[in-house]
């Protein structure tokens, strides 16, 4: 049976313009405040104009914590250099990334596509 109030249970977190070593701790705190058992979280990156490796590590930390408690996180609306940072680092394959908030909400309603831990630790991967 589907939860009829699922849309009300989806949190959306807007990221700041810069997600870097200066802002990473506050961004992590902001995101982790939403992570609880069975939470569904949309991380909206539409305002992000710059993201460093520290920002990507912050997102990875949140993804791990979410997986530990059974929460789901979908990133959306990243563009420009921030989207390039996710793509070049390979993290766009690890995160569930949607084009927009409507697509992100639909993904959260459908349920998980795969275990994030499996995406982070692929069988047969070397290195």
Protein backbone atom coordinates (compact mmCIF):
# COMPACT_ATOMS: atom_id res chain seq x y z
CA UNK A 1 0.00 0.00 0.00
CA UNK A 2 1.35 3.40 -0.91
CA UNK A 3 1.58 6.19 1.60
CA UNK A 4 -0.93 8.81 0.47
CA UNK A 5 0.99 11.53 2.31
CA UNK A 6 4.33 10.70 0.72
CA UNK A 7 4.66 14.12 -0.96
CA UNK A 8 4.27 15.80 2.42
CA UNK A 9 7.03 13.59 3.81
CA UNK A 10 9.60 14.67 1.19
CA UNK A 11 12.02 17.33 2.42
CA UNK A 12 13.73 19.70 0.01
CA UNK A 13 17.06 21.25 0.96
CA UNK A 14 18.42 24.16 -1.08
CA UNK A 15 22.19 24.33 -1.22
CA UNK A 16 24.08 27.65 -1.10
CA UNK A 17 25.93 29.16 -4.06
CA UNK A 18 29.27 27.74 -2.91
CA UNK A 19 29.79 24.25 -1.53
CA UNK A 20 33.49 24.20 -0.70
CA UNK A 21 35.89 23.83 2.22
CA UNK A 22 34.54 27.03 3.79
CA UNK A 23 30.86 26.00 3.66
CA UNK A 24 31.11 22.18 3.73
CA UNK A 25 30.59 21.84 7.50
CA UNK A 26 27.46 24.01 7.52
CA UNK A 27 26.08 22.27 4.41
CA UNK A 28 26.68 18.88 6.04
CA UNK A 29 24.88 20.03 9.20
CA UNK A 30 21.97 21.34 7.10
CA UNK A 31 21.62 18.08 5.19
CA UNK A 32 22.14 15.73 8.13
CA UNK A 33 19.38 17.53 10.03
CA UNK A 34 16.96 16.00 7.50
CA UNK A 35 18.43 12.48 7.60
CA UNK A 36 16.38 10.16 9.77
CA UNK A 37 14.96 6.67 9.32
CA UNK A 38 12.94 6.35 6.10
CA UNK A 39 13.33 10.06 5.26
CA UNK A 40 13.04 11.16 1.64
CA UNK A 41 15.20 14.14 0.77
CA UNK A 42 15.61 16.23 -2.37
CA UNK A 43 18.87 18.18 -2.50
CA UNK A 44 18.32 21.13 -4.83
CA UNK A 45 21.57 22.40 -6.33
CA UNK A 46 20.06 25.09 -8.54
CA UNK A 47 21.84 27.89 -6.65
CA UNK A 48 25.24 26.17 -6.62
CA UNK A 49 27.73 27.99 -8.80
CA UNK A 50 30.86 26.38 -7.36
CA UNK A 51 31.53 23.00 -5.75
CA UNK A 52 34.92 21.71 -4.67
CA UNK A 53 36.04 18.24 -3.68
CA UNK A 54 35.06 19.16 -0.11
CA UNK A 55 31.50 19.66 -1.34
CA UNK A 56 31.47 16.30 -3.08
CA UNK A 57 32.82 14.64 0.10
CA UNK A 58 30.02 16.29 2.07
CA UNK A 59 27.42 14.85 -0.29
CA UNK A 60 29.06 11.43 -0.03
CA UNK A 61 28.98 11.62 3.78
CA UNK A 62 25.28 12.45 3.69
CA UNK A 63 24.62 9.59 1.26
CA UNK A 64 26.39 7.13 3.57
CA UNK A 65 24.51 8.35 6.64
CA UNK A 66 21.20 8.18 4.76
CA UNK A 67 21.92 4.60 3.71
CA UNK A 68 22.69 3.67 7.32
CA UNK A 69 19.24 4.77 8.50
CA UNK A 70 17.22 3.80 5.44
CA UNK A 71 16.73 7.35 4.15
CA UNK A 72 16.75 8.22 0.44
CA UNK A 73 18.47 11.23 -1.13
CA UNK A 74 18.01 12.50 -4.69
CA UNK A 75 20.08 15.38 -6.05
CA UNK A 76 18.60 17.68 -8.66
CA UNK A 77 19.03 20.88 -10.65
CA UNK A 78 22.82 20.96 -10.56
CA UNK A 79 24.26 22.75 -13.59
CA UNK A 80 27.42 24.34 -14.90
CA UNK A 81 30.63 23.80 -12.95
CA UNK A 82 28.82 22.08 -10.04
CA UNK A 83 27.34 19.46 -12.38
CA UNK A 84 30.75 19.10 -14.06
CA UNK A 85 32.36 18.49 -10.66
CA UNK A 86 29.91 15.63 -9.96
CA UNK A 87 30.41 14.22 -13.45
CA UNK A 88 34.21 14.43 -13.62
CA UNK A 89 34.64 12.99 -10.13
CA UNK A 90 32.45 10.02 -11.05
CA UNK A 91 30.08 10.79 -8.22
CA UNK A 92 27.18 11.39 -10.59
CA UNK A 93 27.09 7.59 -10.97
CA UNK A 94 26.96 7.09 -7.21
CA UNK A 95 24.23 9.59 -6.44
CA UNK A 96 20.65 9.45 -7.62
CA UNK A 97 20.56 12.58 -9.82
CA UNK A 98 17.37 14.01 -11.33
CA UNK A 99 16.83 16.84 -13.82
CA UNK A 100 14.30 18.73 -11.67
CA UNK A 101 12.38 18.58 -8.40
CA UNK A 102 9.35 16.90 -9.99
CA UNK A 103 11.53 14.08 -11.34
CA UNK A 104 13.29 13.83 -7.97
CA UNK A 105 9.95 13.53 -6.14
CA UNK A 106 8.80 10.85 -8.58
CA UNK A 107 11.98 8.85 -7.94
CA UNK A 108 11.42 9.09 -4.20
CA UNK A 109 7.80 7.94 -4.59
CA UNK A 110 8.84 4.89 -6.63
CA UNK A 111 11.26 3.57 -4.09
CA UNK A 112 14.96 2.77 -4.34
CA UNK A 113 16.42 1.70 -7.66
CA UNK A 114 19.42 0.05 -6.04
CA UNK A 115 21.39 -0.06 -2.86
CA UNK A 116 23.68 3.00 -2.64
CA UNK A 117 26.33 0.81 -1.01
CA UNK A 118 26.37 -1.34 -4.14
CA UNK A 119 27.02 1.77 -6.25
CA UNK A 120 29.81 2.83 -3.90
CA UNK A 121 31.45 -0.60 -3.73
CA UNK A 122 30.92 -2.33 -7.04
CA UNK A 123 31.76 -5.99 -7.16
CA UNK A 124 34.79 -6.73 -9.25
CA UNK A 125 36.00 -3.14 -9.17
CA UNK A 126 39.70 -2.70 -8.70
CA UNK A 127 41.64 0.09 -7.18
